[in-house]
């Protein structure tokens, strides 16, 4: 499995906004000293092997987020703001103002723009949005928390408040991710 460089760049943007460019530069220098892969320039089109990406995630979590994996939720929200807001790479996904279409089609398309394995299925039934992610070869909680934070922020951008419920997740030891988002004001 590979992770597209867009995810790395979005993480970098989130760290710089919250901690400053100097701290990012110090972090990436130390990371490159530990693993020479990170001496390379990573662009949005770069395919990062998932094992290298996990090293990056674990080190970033230690450095900036007190080793608290729930902080990936924050990074997911930042990623959605970055990507879905006006001027963002994927703002066009919100132009139809149709939450059902975004959950049903947009989330799968977005997943495929960030990762080259795994599958997202989404649907809306009455006032509940369902997101199921399966087929990920690496069961790292990042994939759960970041993507569910992304969905939460996307709904907020739509103007919808929501309450999420983890039905299945890597955080619970399951082999897939399945969340339900109760849409409070669809």
Protein backbone atom coordinates (compact mmCIF):
# COMPACT_ATOMS: atom_id res chain seq x y z
CA UNK A 1 0.00 0.00 0.00
CA UNK A 2 1.15 3.51 -0.81
CA UNK A 3 0.04 6.83 0.57
CA UNK A 4 -0.01 9.75 -1.82
CA UNK A 5 2.23 12.69 -0.98
CA UNK A 6 -0.83 14.92 -0.62
CA UNK A 7 -1.39 13.39 2.82
CA UNK A 8 2.18 14.21 3.86
CA UNK A 9 1.86 17.78 2.56
CA UNK A 10 -1.45 18.26 4.37
CA UNK A 11 0.10 16.97 7.61
CA UNK A 12 3.02 19.33 7.11
CA UNK A 13 0.64 22.27 6.61
CA UNK A 14 -1.24 21.39 9.80
CA UNK A 15 1.96 21.18 11.84
CA UNK A 16 3.32 24.45 10.43
CA UNK A 17 0.06 26.32 11.12
CA UNK A 18 -0.03 25.10 14.70
CA UNK A 19 3.65 24.85 15.67
CA UNK A 20 5.59 26.95 13.17
CA UNK A 21 7.88 26.24 10.26
CA UNK A 22 11.04 26.13 12.38
CA UNK A 23 9.66 23.26 14.48
CA UNK A 24 8.59 21.42 11.33
CA UNK A 25 12.05 21.86 9.79
CA UNK A 26 13.76 20.60 12.97
CA UNK A 27 11.40 17.62 13.07
CA UNK A 28 11.92 16.62 9.44
CA UNK A 29 15.72 16.97 9.82
CA UNK A 30 15.69 14.57 12.81
CA UNK A 31 13.36 12.20 10.95
CA UNK A 32 15.67 12.17 7.91
CA UNK A 33 18.58 11.33 10.21
CA UNK A 34 16.62 8.29 11.47
CA UNK A 35 15.40 7.19 8.04
CA UNK A 36 17.07 8.41 4.84
CA UNK A 37 13.79 8.10 2.92
CA UNK A 38 12.78 11.46 4.41
CA UNK A 39 15.79 13.20 2.83
CA UNK A 40 13.84 12.99 -0.44
CA UNK A 41 11.55 15.78 -1.58
CA UNK A 42 7.99 14.59 -1.09
CA UNK A 43 5.53 16.14 -3.53
CA UNK A 44 1.78 15.69 -3.83
CA UNK A 45 2.26 12.98 -6.49
CA UNK A 46 4.89 11.04 -4.53
CA UNK A 47 3.81 7.52 -3.58
CA UNK A 48 5.04 6.94 -0.04
CA UNK A 49 5.31 3.28 0.98
CA UNK A 50 2.96 2.73 3.91
CA UNK A 51 5.77 1.45 6.16
CA UNK A 52 7.64 4.74 5.69
CA UNK A 53 4.45 6.70 6.21
CA UNK A 54 3.81 4.87 9.51
CA UNK A 55 7.32 5.85 10.67
CA UNK A 56 6.48 9.47 9.82
CA UNK A 57 3.15 9.26 11.66
CA UNK A 58 4.57 7.69 14.79
CA UNK A 59 7.40 10.23 14.98
CA UNK A 60 5.07 13.16 14.31
CA UNK A 61 2.71 11.95 17.02
CA UNK A 62 5.58 11.78 19.54
CA UNK A 63 7.02 15.15 18.53
CA UNK A 64 3.91 17.30 18.34
CA UNK A 65 0.98 15.49 19.94
CA UNK A 66 2.16 13.90 23.21
CA UNK A 67 1.95 10.47 21.53
CA UNK A 68 -1.87 10.72 21.66
CA UNK A 69 -3.36 8.89 18.66
CA UNK A 70 -6.71 10.67 19.03
CA UNK A 71 -4.90 13.78 17.76
CA UNK A 72 -5.19 12.23 14.29
CA UNK A 73 -8.81 13.38 14.48
CA UNK A 74 -7.52 16.96 14.63
CA UNK A 75 -5.27 16.31 11.63
CA UNK A 76 -8.24 14.90 9.72
CA UNK A 77 -10.21 18.04 10.40
CA UNK A 78 -7.28 20.20 9.26
CA UNK A 79 -6.95 18.08 6.11
CA UNK A 80 -10.63 18.55 5.29
CA UNK A 81 -10.41 22.31 5.82
CA UNK A 82 -7.33 22.43 3.60
CA UNK A 83 -8.79 20.24 0.84
CA UNK A 84 -12.50 21.11 0.82
CA UNK A 85 -12.55 24.85 1.53
CA UNK A 86 -12.74 27.34 -1.36
CA UNK A 87 -9.43 27.19 -3.21
CA UNK A 88 -8.70 23.70 -1.82
CA UNK A 89 -7.74 20.77 -4.05
CA UNK A 90 -11.10 19.04 -3.64
CA UNK A 91 -13.50 21.94 -3.09
CA UNK A 92 -15.45 20.83 -6.18
CA UNK A 93 -16.75 17.84 -4.17
CA UNK A 94 -18.91 20.25 -2.19
CA UNK A 95 -20.26 22.35 -5.05
CA UNK A 96 -23.47 20.32 -5.46
CA UNK A 97 -24.33 20.88 -1.78
CA UNK A 98 -25.62 17.29 -1.65
CA UNK A 99 -24.46 15.48 1.50
CA UNK A 100 -25.80 12.12 0.29
CA UNK A 101 -23.76 12.37 -2.89
CA UNK A 102 -20.66 13.47 -1.00
CA UNK A 103 -20.93 10.56 1.46
CA UNK A 104 -21.96 8.06 -1.24
CA UNK A 105 -19.47 8.99 -3.96
CA UNK A 106 -17.17 11.76 -2.81
CA UNK A 107 -15.65 9.92 0.14
CA UNK A 108 -14.68 6.96 -2.05
CA UNK A 109 -13.15 9.25 -4.66
CA UNK A 110 -11.27 11.19 -1.97
CA UNK A 111 -9.95 7.96 -0.47
CA UNK A 112 -8.62 6.93 -3.88
CA UNK A 113 -6.95 10.31 -4.28
CA UNK A 114 -5.00 9.75 -1.03
CA UNK A 115 -4.39 5.97 -0.88
CA UNK A 116 -3.90 3.22 -3.46
CA UNK A 117 -5.47 0.37 -1.47
CA UNK A 118 -8.56 -0.04 0.65
CA UNK A 119 -12.17 0.75 -0.10
CA UNK A 120 -14.64 3.28 1.26
CA UNK A 121 -18.38 2.77 1.10
CA UNK A 122 -20.64 5.53 2.27
CA UNK A 123 -24.38 6.03 2.33
CA UNK A 124 -26.98 8.14 4.06
CA UNK A 125 -30.09 6.52 5.53
CA UNK A 126 -32.59 9.01 6.93
CA UNK A 127 -30.52 11.19 9.28
CA UNK A 128 -27.50 8.88 9.59
CA UNK A 129 -24.41 8.91 7.38
CA UNK A 130 -22.58 5.58 7.29
CA UNK A 131 -18.88 5.25 6.41
CA UNK A 132 -17.20 1.85 6.08
CA UNK A 133 -13.51 1.46 5.22
CA UNK A 134 -12.13 -2.00 4.50
CA UNK A 135 -9.26 -3.73 2.74
CA UNK A 136 -6.47 -1.78 4.40
CA UNK A 137 -3.43 -4.05 4.81
CA UNK A 138 -2.02 -2.07 7.75
CA UNK A 139 -4.31 -1.73 10.78
CA UNK A 140 -2.97 1.61 12.05
CA UNK A 141 -5.40 3.77 14.02
CA UNK A 142 -4.37 6.75 11.88
CA UNK A 143 -6.59 5.47 9.05
CA UNK A 144 -9.58 5.43 11.40
CA UNK A 145 -9.15 8.65 13.33
CA UNK A 146 -7.87 10.87 10.54
CA UNK A 147 -10.55 9.84 8.07
CA UNK A 148 -13.38 10.11 10.57
CA UNK A 149 -12.11 13.56 11.58
CA UNK A 150 -12.14 14.39 7.87
CA UNK A 151 -15.79 13.31 7.56
CA UNK A 152 -16.75 15.27 10.69
CA UNK A 153 -15.16 18.44 9.29
CA UNK A 154 -16.67 17.91 5.83
CA UNK A 155 -20.12 17.73 7.42
CA UNK A 156 -19.35 20.92 9.32
CA UNK A 157 -18.35 22.62 6.06
CA UNK A 158 -21.75 21.54 4.71
CA UNK A 159 -23.26 23.30 7.75
CA UNK A 160 -24.32 20.04 9.41
CA UNK A 161 -23.73 19.24 13.05
CA UNK A 162 -23.18 15.56 13.78
CA UNK A 163 -22.56 13.00 16.48
CA UNK A 164 -20.33 10.11 15.49
CA UNK A 165 -20.41 6.56 16.75
CA UNK A 166 -17.67 4.00 16.16
CA UNK A 167 -19.36 0.69 15.36
CA UNK A 168 -16.11 -1.01 14.32
CA UNK A 169 -12.60 0.33 14.18
CA UNK A 170 -8.90 -0.43 14.40
CA UNK A 171 -9.05 1.34 17.77
CA UNK A 172 -11.27 -1.53 18.96
CA UNK A 173 -9.17 -4.29 17.36
CA UNK A 174 -11.53 -4.80 14.42
CA UNK A 175 -10.43 -5.52 10.83
CA UNK A 176 -12.42 -2.66 9.31
CA UNK A 177 -13.65 0.81 10.14
CA UNK A 178 -17.38 1.53 10.34
CA UNK A 179 -18.77 4.76 11.73
CA UNK A 180 -22.21 6.25 11.87
CA UNK A 181 -22.71 10.02 11.90
CA UNK A 182 -26.07 11.16 13.21
CA UNK A 183 -26.92 14.27 11.19
CA UNK A 184 -28.46 16.66 13.67
CA UNK A 185 -29.60 19.37 11.25
CA UNK A 186 -29.53 17.95 7.70
